[in-house]
């Protein structure tokens, strides 16, 4: 009787062991699929980033080329003059406000 009880316990343990092994195999498969998905997304992201970087480098070359041209230098000079004019305008408005305050007193 003890021998049969032991055999029954061993069979039960073997069944449980097989279930655990199958569950672990299933989990391993899930992890592999997740890993592959992450790697694929990472590769897609890297590819997209590289494309953006190439585009930005191309645009930078275009901008640098434009700025080094005579038209670009003229544009830079005009920007400088515009900034000076805006500064003078702000200073003039400030002086006007000060004068108005003095006249009110």
N, C-alpha and C. Protein backbone atom coordinates (compact mmCIF):
# COMPACT_ATOMS: atom_id res chain seq x y z
N UNK A 1 0.84 -1.19 0.00
CA UNK A 1 0.00 0.00 0.00
C UNK A 1 0.87 1.24 0.00
N UNK A 2 1.89 1.26 0.77
CA UNK A 2 2.79 2.41 0.82
C UNK A 2 3.46 2.65 -0.53
N UNK A 3 3.79 1.57 -1.20
CA UNK A 3 4.43 1.68 -2.51
C UNK A 3 3.48 2.33 -3.52
N UNK A 4 2.23 1.95 -3.50
CA UNK A 4 1.25 2.54 -4.42
C UNK A 4 0.99 4.00 -4.09
N UNK A 5 0.96 4.31 -2.81
CA UNK A 5 0.79 5.71 -2.40
C UNK A 5 1.97 6.54 -2.89
N UNK A 6 3.15 5.98 -2.75
CA UNK A 6 4.35 6.69 -3.22
C UNK A 6 4.32 6.88 -4.73
N UNK A 7 3.90 5.82 -5.46
CA UNK A 7 3.81 5.94 -6.92
C UNK A 7 2.78 6.99 -7.32
N UNK A 8 1.66 7.02 -6.62
CA UNK A 8 0.62 8.02 -6.91
C UNK A 8 1.15 9.42 -6.65
N UNK A 9 1.87 9.59 -5.57
CA UNK A 9 2.45 10.90 -5.25
C UNK A 9 3.47 11.31 -6.33
N UNK A 10 4.29 10.33 -6.74
CA UNK A 10 5.30 10.62 -7.76
C UNK A 10 4.62 11.02 -9.07
N UNK A 11 3.58 10.30 -9.46
CA UNK A 11 2.85 10.64 -10.69
C UNK A 11 2.24 12.04 -10.59
N UNK A 12 1.66 12.31 -9.41
CA UNK A 12 1.06 13.64 -9.20
C UNK A 12 2.13 14.72 -9.30
N UNK A 13 3.29 14.47 -8.69
CA UNK A 13 4.39 15.45 -8.74
C UNK A 13 4.91 15.62 -10.16
N UNK A 14 4.98 14.52 -10.90
CA UNK A 14 5.43 14.60 -12.30
C UNK A 14 4.46 15.42 -13.14
N UNK A 15 3.17 15.23 -12.89
CA UNK A 15 2.15 16.02 -13.61
C UNK A 15 2.29 17.49 -13.27
N UNK A 16 2.44 17.79 -11.98
CA UNK A 16 2.60 19.18 -11.55
C UNK A 16 3.88 19.78 -12.16
N UNK A 17 4.94 18.97 -12.17
CA UNK A 17 6.20 19.42 -12.75
C UNK A 17 6.03 19.75 -14.23
N UNK A 18 5.33 18.87 -14.95
CA UNK A 18 5.09 19.11 -16.38
C UNK A 18 4.28 20.39 -16.58
N UNK A 19 3.29 20.62 -15.73
CA UNK A 19 2.48 21.84 -15.83
C UNK A 19 3.34 23.08 -15.61
N UNK A 20 4.18 23.01 -14.60
CA UNK A 20 5.07 24.15 -14.30
C UNK A 20 6.02 24.38 -15.47
N UNK A 21 6.58 23.31 -16.00
CA UNK A 21 7.50 23.43 -17.14
C UNK A 21 6.77 24.04 -18.34
N UNK A 22 5.56 23.59 -18.61
CA UNK A 22 4.79 24.14 -19.73
C UNK A 22 4.46 25.62 -19.50
N UNK A 23 4.11 25.97 -18.26
CA UNK A 23 3.83 27.38 -17.95
C UNK A 23 5.09 28.22 -18.17
N UNK A 24 6.23 27.71 -17.72
CA UNK A 24 7.49 28.44 -17.91
C UNK A 24 7.84 28.58 -19.39
N UNK A 25 7.61 27.52 -20.17
CA UNK A 25 7.87 27.61 -21.60
C UNK A 25 6.98 28.66 -22.25
N UNK A 26 5.72 28.71 -21.81
CA UNK A 26 4.79 29.72 -22.34
C UNK A 26 5.28 31.12 -21.99
N UNK A 27 5.71 31.32 -20.75
CA UNK A 27 6.22 32.62 -20.33
C UNK A 27 7.48 33.01 -21.10
N UNK A 28 8.35 32.04 -21.33
CA UNK A 28 9.58 32.30 -22.11
C UNK A 28 9.21 32.74 -23.52
N UNK A 29 8.23 32.07 -24.11
CA UNK A 29 7.78 32.46 -25.46
C UNK A 29 7.24 33.88 -25.47
N UNK A 30 6.44 34.20 -24.45
CA UNK A 30 5.88 35.56 -24.36
C UNK A 30 6.99 36.59 -24.25
N UNK A 31 7.98 36.29 -23.41
CA UNK A 31 9.10 37.22 -23.21
C UNK A 31 9.87 37.39 -24.52
N UNK A 32 10.07 36.29 -25.25
CA UNK A 32 10.79 36.37 -26.53
C UNK A 32 10.03 37.25 -27.52
N UNK A 33 8.70 37.09 -27.56
CA UNK A 33 7.89 37.91 -28.47
C UNK A 33 7.98 39.38 -28.07
N UNK A 34 7.88 39.66 -26.76
CA UNK A 34 7.99 41.04 -26.29
C UNK A 34 9.35 41.62 -26.63
N UNK A 35 10.40 40.81 -26.45
CA UNK A 35 11.74 41.28 -26.75
C UNK A 35 11.87 41.61 -28.24
N UNK A 36 11.36 40.73 -29.09
CA UNK A 36 11.42 40.99 -30.53
C UNK A 36 10.64 42.25 -30.91
N UNK A 37 9.48 42.43 -30.27
CA UNK A 37 8.68 43.62 -30.53
C UNK A 37 9.44 44.88 -30.13
N UNK A 38 10.06 44.84 -28.95
CA UNK A 38 10.83 46.00 -28.47
C UNK A 38 12.00 46.27 -29.39
N UNK A 39 12.69 45.22 -29.81
CA UNK A 39 13.83 45.41 -30.72
C UNK A 39 13.38 45.99 -32.05
N UNK A 40 12.23 45.53 -32.54
CA UNK A 40 11.71 46.05 -33.81
C UNK A 40 11.36 47.53 -33.68
N UNK A 41 10.67 47.87 -32.58
CA UNK A 41 10.30 49.27 -32.37
C UNK A 41 11.55 50.13 -32.19
N UNK A 42 12.54 49.61 -31.49
CA UNK A 42 13.79 50.34 -31.29
C UNK A 42 14.48 50.59 -32.62
N UNK A 43 14.50 49.57 -33.47
CA UNK A 43 15.10 49.73 -34.80
C UNK A 43 14.34 50.76 -35.63
N UNK A 44 13.01 50.70 -35.58
CA UNK A 44 12.19 51.67 -36.32
C UNK A 44 12.46 53.09 -35.80
N UNK A 45 12.54 53.23 -34.46
CA UNK A 45 12.81 54.55 -33.87
C UNK A 45 14.17 55.05 -34.30
N UNK A 46 15.18 54.17 -34.23
CA UNK A 46 16.53 54.57 -34.63
C UNK A 46 16.58 54.97 -36.10
N UNK A 47 15.86 54.23 -36.94
CA UNK A 47 15.81 54.55 -38.36
C UNK A 47 15.17 55.92 -38.57
N UNK A 48 14.07 56.16 -37.85
CA UNK A 48 13.39 57.45 -37.97
C UNK A 48 14.29 58.57 -37.46
N UNK A 49 14.96 58.35 -36.34
CA UNK A 49 15.87 59.36 -35.79
C UNK A 49 17.00 59.66 -36.76
N UNK A 50 17.55 58.62 -37.37
CA UNK A 50 18.62 58.83 -38.33
C UNK A 50 18.13 59.63 -39.53
N UNK A 51 16.91 59.38 -39.95
CA UNK A 51 16.33 60.13 -41.07
C UNK A 51 16.18 61.60 -40.69
N UNK A 52 15.71 61.85 -39.47
CA UNK A 52 15.55 63.24 -39.00
C UNK A 52 16.91 63.92 -38.91
N UNK A 53 17.89 63.19 -38.40
CA UNK A 53 19.24 63.77 -38.29
C UNK A 53 19.79 64.12 -39.67
N UNK A 54 19.63 63.22 -40.64
CA UNK A 54 20.11 63.51 -41.99
C UNK A 54 19.41 64.74 -42.56
N UNK A 55 18.09 64.83 -42.35
CA UNK A 55 17.33 65.98 -42.85
C UNK A 55 17.81 67.26 -42.21
N UNK A 56 18.02 67.21 -40.88
CA UNK A 56 18.47 68.41 -40.17
C UNK A 56 19.86 68.84 -40.62
N UNK A 57 20.74 67.87 -40.85
CA UNK A 57 22.08 68.20 -41.35
C UNK A 57 21.99 68.85 -42.72
N UNK A 58 21.13 68.32 -43.57
CA UNK A 58 20.94 68.89 -44.90
C UNK A 58 20.44 70.33 -44.79
N UNK A 59 19.45 70.56 -43.91
CA UNK A 59 18.91 71.91 -43.73
C UNK A 59 20.00 72.84 -43.20
N UNK A 60 20.81 72.34 -42.27
CA UNK A 60 21.89 73.16 -41.70
C UNK A 60 22.87 73.57 -42.79
N UNK A 61 23.21 72.66 -43.66
CA UNK A 61 24.11 72.99 -44.77
C UNK A 61 23.48 74.06 -45.66
N UNK A 62 22.17 73.91 -45.92
CA UNK A 62 21.47 74.92 -46.73
C UNK A 62 21.52 76.29 -46.06
N UNK A 63 21.24 76.33 -44.74
CA UNK A 63 21.23 77.60 -44.02
C UNK A 63 22.63 78.22 -44.00
N UNK A 64 23.63 77.39 -43.70
CA UNK A 64 25.00 77.90 -43.68
C UNK A 64 25.41 78.42 -45.06
N UNK A 65 25.00 77.72 -46.09
CA UNK A 65 25.32 78.15 -47.44
C UNK A 65 24.64 79.48 -47.74
N UNK A 66 23.38 79.60 -47.34
CA UNK A 66 22.64 80.84 -47.57
C UNK A 66 23.28 82.00 -46.82
N UNK A 67 23.60 81.75 -45.54
CA UNK A 67 24.17 82.83 -44.73
C UNK A 67 25.54 83.28 -45.25
N UNK A 68 26.26 82.38 -45.87
CA UNK A 68 27.57 82.78 -46.40
C UNK A 68 27.46 83.46 -47.77
N UNK A 69 26.28 83.40 -48.37
CA UNK A 69 26.09 84.06 -49.66
C UNK A 69 25.90 85.56 -49.45
N UNK A 70 26.02 86.33 -50.52
CA UNK A 70 25.86 87.79 -50.40
C UNK A 70 24.44 88.14 -49.96
N UNK A 71 23.46 87.38 -50.44
CA UNK A 71 22.07 87.61 -50.05
C UNK A 71 21.90 87.35 -48.55
N UNK A 72 22.54 86.29 -48.07
CA UNK A 72 22.46 85.96 -46.64
C UNK A 72 23.13 87.02 -45.78
N UNK A 73 24.28 87.51 -46.25
CA UNK A 73 24.96 88.57 -45.49
C UNK A 73 24.11 89.83 -45.46
N UNK A 74 23.45 90.14 -46.58
CA UNK A 74 22.57 91.31 -46.63
C UNK A 74 21.41 91.13 -45.65
N UNK A 75 20.87 89.93 -45.62
CA UNK A 75 19.76 89.63 -44.70
C UNK A 75 20.21 89.81 -43.26
N UNK A 76 21.41 89.34 -42.94
CA UNK A 76 21.93 89.48 -41.58
C UNK A 76 22.10 90.95 -41.22
N UNK A 77 22.59 91.74 -42.17
CA UNK A 77 22.75 93.18 -41.92
C UNK A 77 21.39 93.83 -41.67
N UNK A 78 20.39 93.45 -42.48
CA UNK A 78 19.05 94.01 -42.29
C UNK A 78 18.47 93.62 -40.93
N UNK A 79 18.72 92.40 -40.50
CA UNK A 79 18.27 91.97 -39.18
C UNK A 79 18.92 92.82 -38.10
N UNK A 80 20.21 93.10 -38.26
CA UNK A 80 20.92 93.94 -37.30
C UNK A 80 20.33 95.34 -37.25
N UNK A 81 20.06 95.91 -38.41
CA UNK A 81 19.46 97.26 -38.46
C UNK A 81 18.07 97.26 -37.83
N UNK A 82 17.29 96.21 -38.11
CA UNK A 82 15.96 96.11 -37.52
C UNK A 82 16.05 96.06 -36.00
N UNK A 83 17.00 95.29 -35.47
CA UNK A 83 17.17 95.20 -34.02
C UNK A 83 17.55 96.57 -33.44
N UNK A 84 18.45 97.29 -34.12
CA UNK A 84 18.84 98.62 -33.66
C UNK A 84 17.64 99.57 -33.66
N UNK A 85 16.84 99.50 -34.71
CA UNK A 85 15.66 100.36 -34.83
C UNK A 85 14.66 100.04 -33.72
N UNK A 86 14.45 98.77 -33.45
CA UNK A 86 13.53 98.39 -32.37
C UNK A 86 14.02 98.90 -31.02
N UNK A 87 15.33 98.82 -30.80
CA UNK A 87 15.90 99.31 -29.55
C UNK A 87 15.70 100.82 -29.43
N UNK A 88 15.96 101.54 -30.50
CA UNK A 88 15.74 103.00 -30.48
C UNK A 88 14.28 103.34 -30.21
N UNK A 89 13.37 102.57 -30.81
CA UNK A 89 11.94 102.80 -30.59
C UNK A 89 11.57 102.58 -29.13
N UNK A 90 12.07 101.52 -28.53
CA UNK A 90 11.79 101.25 -27.12
C UNK A 90 12.33 102.37 -26.25
N UNK A 91 13.54 102.82 -26.58
CA UNK A 91 14.13 103.90 -25.79
C UNK A 91 13.32 105.18 -25.94
N UNK A 92 12.87 105.48 -27.17
CA UNK A 92 12.07 106.68 -27.41
C UNK A 92 10.74 106.59 -26.66
N UNK A 93 10.11 105.43 -26.68
CA UNK A 93 8.84 105.26 -25.96
C UNK A 93 9.04 105.42 -24.46
N UNK A 94 10.15 104.92 -23.97
CA UNK A 94 10.46 105.05 -22.55
C UNK A 94 10.65 106.53 -22.18
N UNK A 95 11.38 107.28 -23.01
CA UNK A 95 11.59 108.71 -22.77
C UNK A 95 10.26 109.45 -22.81
N UNK A 96 9.40 109.08 -23.77
CA UNK A 96 8.08 109.71 -23.87
C UNK A 96 7.27 109.47 -22.60
N UNK A 97 7.29 108.24 -22.12
CA UNK A 97 6.56 107.92 -20.89
C UNK A 97 7.09 108.72 -19.70
N UNK A 98 8.41 108.86 -19.64
CA UNK A 98 9.01 109.64 -18.55
C UNK A 98 8.58 111.10 -18.62
N UNK A 99 8.57 111.65 -19.85
CA UNK A 99 8.16 113.05 -20.02
C UNK A 99 6.70 113.23 -19.65
N UNK A 100 5.85 112.29 -20.03
CA UNK A 100 4.43 112.38 -19.69
C UNK A 100 4.23 112.35 -18.18
N UNK A 101 5.03 111.52 -17.51
CA UNK A 101 4.92 111.46 -16.04
C UNK A 101 5.37 112.78 -15.42
N UNK A 102 6.41 113.38 -15.99
CA UNK A 102 6.91 114.65 -15.44
C UNK A 102 5.88 115.75 -15.67
N UNK A 103 5.20 115.75 -16.81
CA UNK A 103 4.18 116.76 -17.11
C UNK A 103 2.97 116.61 -16.20
N UNK A 104 2.66 115.43 -15.78
CA UNK A 104 1.52 115.19 -14.88
C UNK A 104 1.79 115.69 -13.49
N UNK A 105 3.06 115.71 -13.09
CA UNK A 105 3.40 116.13 -11.73
C UNK A 105 3.27 117.58 -11.53
